[in-house]
Protein backbone atom coordinates (compact mmCIF):
# COMPACT_ATOMS: atom_id res chain seq x y z
CA UNK A 1 12.86 6.10 11.79
CA UNK A 2 15.35 3.99 13.75
CA UNK A 3 18.18 6.32 12.70
CA UNK A 4 16.24 9.33 13.96
CA UNK A 5 15.58 7.61 17.29
CA UNK A 6 19.26 6.76 17.68
CA UNK A 7 20.23 10.35 16.90
CA UNK A 8 17.70 11.65 19.43
CA UNK A 9 19.07 9.28 22.07
CA UNK A 10 22.65 10.39 21.37
CA UNK A 11 21.68 14.06 21.65
CA UNK A 12 19.78 13.38 24.86
CA UNK A 13 22.70 11.46 26.38
CA UNK A 14 25.18 14.17 25.39
CA UNK A 15 22.99 16.87 26.93
CA UNK A 16 22.60 14.78 30.09
CA UNK A 17 26.37 14.31 30.29
CA UNK A 18 27.02 18.03 29.91
CA UNK A 19 24.51 18.89 32.64
CA UNK A 20 25.84 16.28 35.04
CA UNK A 21 29.47 17.28 34.55
CA UNK A 22 28.75 21.01 34.91
CA UNK A 23 26.44 21.17 37.93
CA UNK A 24 26.53 19.94 41.56
CA UNK A 25 30.32 19.91 41.41
CA UNK A 26 32.79 19.72 44.29
CA UNK A 27 36.04 20.79 42.72
CA UNK A 28 39.47 19.75 43.92
CA UNK A 29 42.85 20.56 42.40
CA UNK A 30 45.17 17.59 42.14
CA UNK A 31 48.69 18.82 42.92
CA UNK A 32 50.39 15.65 44.13
CA UNK A 33 54.01 15.08 43.01
CA UNK A 34 53.34 11.44 42.08
CA UNK A 35 50.46 9.85 40.12
CA UNK A 36 47.85 7.68 41.83
CA UNK A 37 46.10 4.51 40.68
CA UNK A 38 43.15 2.81 42.39
CA UNK A 39 41.52 -0.51 41.52
CA UNK A 40 37.77 -0.70 42.13
CA UNK A 41 35.08 -3.36 41.66
CA UNK A 42 31.38 -2.68 41.22
CA UNK A 43 28.60 -4.90 42.64
CA UNK A 44 31.24 -7.02 44.44
CA UNK A 45 31.07 -10.37 42.63
CA UNK A 46 32.87 -13.05 44.66
CA UNK A 47 35.43 -13.51 41.89
CA UNK A 48 36.47 -9.89 42.34
CA UNK A 49 37.71 -10.80 45.82
CA UNK A 50 38.69 -14.46 45.51
CA UNK A 51 40.55 -13.98 42.22
CA UNK A 52 40.97 -10.23 41.73
CA UNK A 53 41.77 -9.61 45.38
CA UNK A 54 44.34 -12.39 45.39
CA UNK A 55 46.07 -10.79 42.39
CA UNK A 56 46.15 -7.41 44.14
CA UNK A 57 47.59 -8.90 47.32
CA UNK A 58 50.30 -10.73 45.37
CA UNK A 59 51.33 -7.34 43.98
CA UNK A 60 51.23 -5.91 47.53
CA UNK A 61 48.35 -3.53 46.80
CA UNK A 62 44.68 -3.41 47.79
CA UNK A 63 41.36 -2.44 46.19
CA UNK A 64 37.98 -0.81 46.76
CA UNK A 65 34.83 -2.93 46.52
CA UNK A 66 31.54 -1.13 45.92
CA UNK A 67 28.75 -3.19 47.39
CA UNK A 68 24.94 -3.13 47.25
CA UNK A 69 24.20 -5.19 50.32
CA UNK A 70 20.73 -6.22 49.18
CA UNK A 71 22.48 -8.22 46.44
CA UNK A 72 24.52 -10.41 48.83
CA UNK A 73 24.24 -14.16 48.18
CA UNK A 74 22.54 -13.61 44.84
CA UNK A 75 23.39 -14.21 41.20
CA UNK A 76 24.04 -11.35 38.80
CA UNK A 77 25.08 -10.76 35.18
CA UNK A 78 28.68 -10.66 36.46
CA UNK A 79 28.42 -13.89 38.42
CA UNK A 80 27.74 -14.84 42.02
CA UNK A 81 27.74 -11.85 44.36
CA UNK A 82 29.71 -11.87 47.60
CA UNK A 83 28.44 -13.64 50.68
CA UNK A 84 27.94 -12.15 54.12
CA UNK A 85 31.15 -13.67 55.50
CA UNK A 86 33.21 -12.16 52.66
CA UNK A 87 32.84 -8.63 54.06
CA UNK A 88 34.92 -9.03 57.25
CA UNK A 89 37.39 -11.19 55.31
CA UNK A 90 37.83 -8.42 52.75
CA UNK A 91 38.45 -5.78 55.41
CA UNK A 92 40.86 -8.05 57.29
CA UNK A 93 42.91 -8.40 54.09
CA UNK A 94 43.30 -4.62 53.92
CA UNK A 95 40.84 -3.88 51.13
CA UNK A 96 38.07 -1.32 51.59
CA UNK A 97 34.32 -1.29 51.05
CA UNK A 98 32.45 1.48 49.28
CA UNK A 99 28.75 2.21 48.88
CA UNK A 100 26.82 1.26 45.73
CA UNK A 101 23.33 1.95 47.21
CA UNK A 102 21.47 -0.82 49.00
CA UNK A 103 19.10 -1.49 46.09
CA UNK A 104 21.56 -0.95 43.20
CA UNK A 105 19.55 2.07 42.08
CA UNK A 106 19.90 3.78 38.73
CA UNK A 107 20.81 7.41 39.45
CA UNK A 108 19.08 8.60 36.30
CA UNK A 109 15.72 7.12 37.29
CA UNK A 110 15.52 7.09 41.09
CA UNK A 111 14.09 9.96 43.12
CA UNK A 112 16.39 11.79 45.51
CA UNK A 113 14.33 10.49 48.44
CA UNK A 114 14.58 6.87 47.33
CA UNK A 115 18.29 7.27 46.68
CA UNK A 116 18.91 8.81 50.09
CA UNK A 117 16.98 6.01 51.79
CA UNK A 118 18.98 3.41 49.87
CA UNK A 119 22.28 4.99 50.94
CA UNK A 120 21.17 4.91 54.57
CA UNK A 121 19.96 1.31 54.28
CA UNK A 122 23.30 0.20 52.86
CA UNK A 123 25.22 1.73 55.75
CA UNK A 124 22.89 0.17 58.33
CA UNK A 125 23.14 -3.23 56.65
CA UNK A 126 26.93 -3.05 56.78
CA UNK A 127 26.90 -2.15 60.48
CA UNK A 128 24.77 -5.22 61.18
CA UNK A 129 27.51 -7.39 59.66
CA UNK A 130 30.65 -5.44 60.61
CA UNK A 131 29.85 -3.20 63.62
CA UNK A 132 31.50 0.20 63.38
CA UNK A 133 32.38 -0.07 59.68
CA UNK A 134 31.65 2.96 57.50
CA UNK A 135 31.10 3.44 53.79
CA UNK A 136 33.01 6.62 52.96
CA UNK A 137 33.36 6.47 49.17
CA UNK A 138 30.68 5.79 46.58
CA UNK A 139 30.22 4.57 43.00
CA UNK A 140 27.06 5.24 40.98
CA UNK A 141 25.40 2.02 39.76
CA UNK A 142 24.21 1.50 36.20
CA UNK A 143 23.83 4.72 34.17
CA UNK A 144 25.32 7.21 36.61
CA UNK A 145 23.56 10.18 38.22
CA UNK A 146 21.38 13.04 37.23
CA UNK A 147 22.22 16.37 38.84
CA UNK A 148 19.85 15.90 41.81
CA UNK A 149 21.22 12.44 42.61
CA UNK A 150 24.80 13.69 42.19
CA UNK A 151 24.11 16.41 44.74
CA UNK A 152 22.48 13.90 47.11
CA UNK A 153 25.42 11.49 47.02
CA UNK A 154 28.01 14.24 47.10
CA UNK A 155 26.77 15.45 50.47
CA UNK A 156 27.36 12.06 52.08
CA UNK A 157 30.67 10.77 50.76
CA UNK A 158 34.27 11.87 50.63
CA UNK A 159 34.36 10.99 46.92
CA UNK A 160 31.93 9.62 44.35
CA UNK A 161 33.00 7.70 41.25
CA UNK A 162 31.35 7.36 37.87
CA UNK A 163 32.67 6.09 34.54
CA UNK A 164 33.82 7.90 31.44
CA UNK A 165 37.01 6.02 30.47
CA UNK A 166 39.08 9.01 31.59
CA UNK A 167 41.94 9.97 33.89
CA UNK A 168 41.33 12.40 36.75
CA UNK A 169 43.87 15.23 36.48
CA UNK A 170 44.08 18.93 37.23
CA UNK A 171 40.78 20.26 38.52
CA UNK A 172 38.58 17.25 39.31
CA UNK A 173 35.00 16.86 40.50
CA UNK A 174 34.89 14.83 43.72
CA UNK A 175 31.17 14.26 43.18
CA UNK A 176 31.86 12.55 39.85
CA UNK A 177 35.38 11.18 39.62
CA UNK A 178 36.05 9.40 36.35
CA UNK A 179 36.92 5.73 36.00
CA UNK A 180 38.48 3.57 33.30
CA UNK A 181 36.62 0.26 33.00
CA UNK A 182 38.35 -3.03 32.29
CA UNK A 183 35.56 -4.85 30.46
CA UNK A 184 34.29 -5.51 26.95
CA UNK A 185 35.49 -2.02 25.95
CA UNK A 186 39.14 -2.92 26.50
CA UNK A 187 38.89 -6.67 25.95
CA UNK A 188 42.38 -8.04 26.55
CA UNK A 189 44.19 -5.26 24.69
CA UNK A 190 46.97 -4.42 27.14
CA UNK A 191 48.31 -1.70 24.84
CA UNK A 192 45.24 0.45 25.51
CA UNK A 193 45.76 0.14 29.26
CA UNK A 194 49.51 0.72 29.06
CA UNK A 195 48.80 3.95 27.21
CA UNK A 196 46.35 5.25 29.81
CA UNK A 197 48.75 4.33 32.65
CA UNK A 198 51.55 6.16 30.83
CA UNK A 199 49.38 9.26 30.34
CA UNK A 200 48.38 9.15 34.00
CA UNK A 201 52.05 9.12 35.01
CA UNK A 202 52.86 12.01 32.67
CA UNK A 203 50.02 14.19 33.93
CA UNK A 204 50.34 13.33 37.63
CA UNK A 205 46.75 12.18 37.61
CA UNK A 206 44.58 9.77 39.55
CA UNK A 207 43.59 6.80 37.42
CA UNK A 208 40.72 4.79 38.87
CA UNK A 209 40.32 1.41 37.23
CA UNK A 210 36.93 -0.28 37.54
CA UNK A 211 35.55 -3.68 36.66
CA UNK A 212 33.13 -6.30 37.98
CA UNK A 213 34.06 -9.99 37.87
CA UNK A 214 37.59 -11.34 37.39
CA UNK A 215 37.08 -14.77 35.86
CA UNK A 216 38.50 -17.10 33.22
CA UNK A 217 35.26 -16.69 31.26
CA UNK A 218 34.39 -13.12 32.23
CA UNK A 219 31.06 -11.45 31.73
CA UNK A 220 30.91 -8.44 29.39
CA UNK A 221 31.37 -6.33 32.54
CA UNK A 222 34.54 -8.04 33.80
CA UNK A 223 37.95 -9.23 32.70
CA UNK A 224 40.05 -12.39 32.80
CA UNK A 225 42.68 -12.98 35.53
CA UNK A 226 45.76 -12.91 33.26
CA UNK A 227 44.75 -9.56 31.82
CA UNK A 228 43.94 -8.14 35.24
CA UNK A 229 47.28 -9.36 36.58
CA UNK A 230 49.10 -7.66 33.69
CA UNK A 231 47.25 -4.39 34.34
CA UNK A 232 48.11 -4.45 38.06
CA UNK A 233 51.73 -5.22 37.23
CA UNK A 234 51.88 -2.32 34.78
CA UNK A 235 50.33 0.06 37.30
CA UNK A 236 52.72 -0.89 40.10
CA UNK A 237 55.73 -0.47 37.80
CA UNK A 238 54.58 2.96 36.58
CA UNK A 239 55.82 4.81 39.66
CA UNK A 240 52.27 5.52 40.81
CA UNK A 241 50.94 5.19 44.33
CA UNK A 242 48.55 2.23 43.97
CA UNK A 243 46.06 2.47 46.84
CA UNK A 244 42.31 2.11 47.51
CA UNK A 245 40.16 5.17 46.88
CA UNK A 246 39.67 6.24 50.48
CA UNK A 247 43.37 5.90 51.22
CA UNK A 248 44.08 8.08 48.18
CA UNK A 249 41.62 10.67 49.52
CA UNK A 250 43.38 10.69 52.88
CA UNK A 251 46.83 11.05 51.34
CA UNK A 252 45.62 13.81 49.01
CA UNK A 253 43.96 15.57 52.00
CA UNK A 254 40.50 15.29 50.50
CA UNK A 255 37.98 15.67 53.29
CA UNK A 256 34.31 14.86 53.70
CA UNK A 257 31.59 17.46 53.19
CA UNK A 258 30.11 16.54 56.58
């Protein structure tokens, strides 16, 4: 019985993945002469800025922090979430903020109306803290989007990021860019990351790393500082342009749908 349920769940997830990847697309052909790498953080744990951000700055690069502003000053499975004063500090250091919905909504379960309202609430909350600031890129929380949610988010942002443990190369979907997570899936196996960075360089792709906390005792969703430092070092030595997501969009001449 349990085996049958697991098989049903796998089939359902595969069918969902095929639908989501096929529909509500916004295709873009990557033709840049050099590969790109971006470092992104979901939920914005404080350690991602205080430790991860410090590592990025020491390597003379910057990152993208996807924030759900309702979560500020709270605890999470990936540690303490950023505080209100961290947002202007992050921007002053040259990093960028991205949208993660206000309520950290699951794009497979939320209605399009609730999702749209949460996107608007997140932007308004940011403006109350940093007047004039805009959230121009997006990452889907939790289990990623269904087709309706993908279409909803795609209309509002220059680029939307999911997961998938893949490189973006050739014809890519700006409504569902793929990411490679540094978490329990990679552990501290630098060889796995070196391989994906090498393949990104060979294909002239855009490799978007993602994680949550950067801590000496990381959660299952994060990684430890030494490993993260080694990954950043490998990326910067690969010949890639290592820039935040929105900067990559600007350099690649990717424009908003608005």
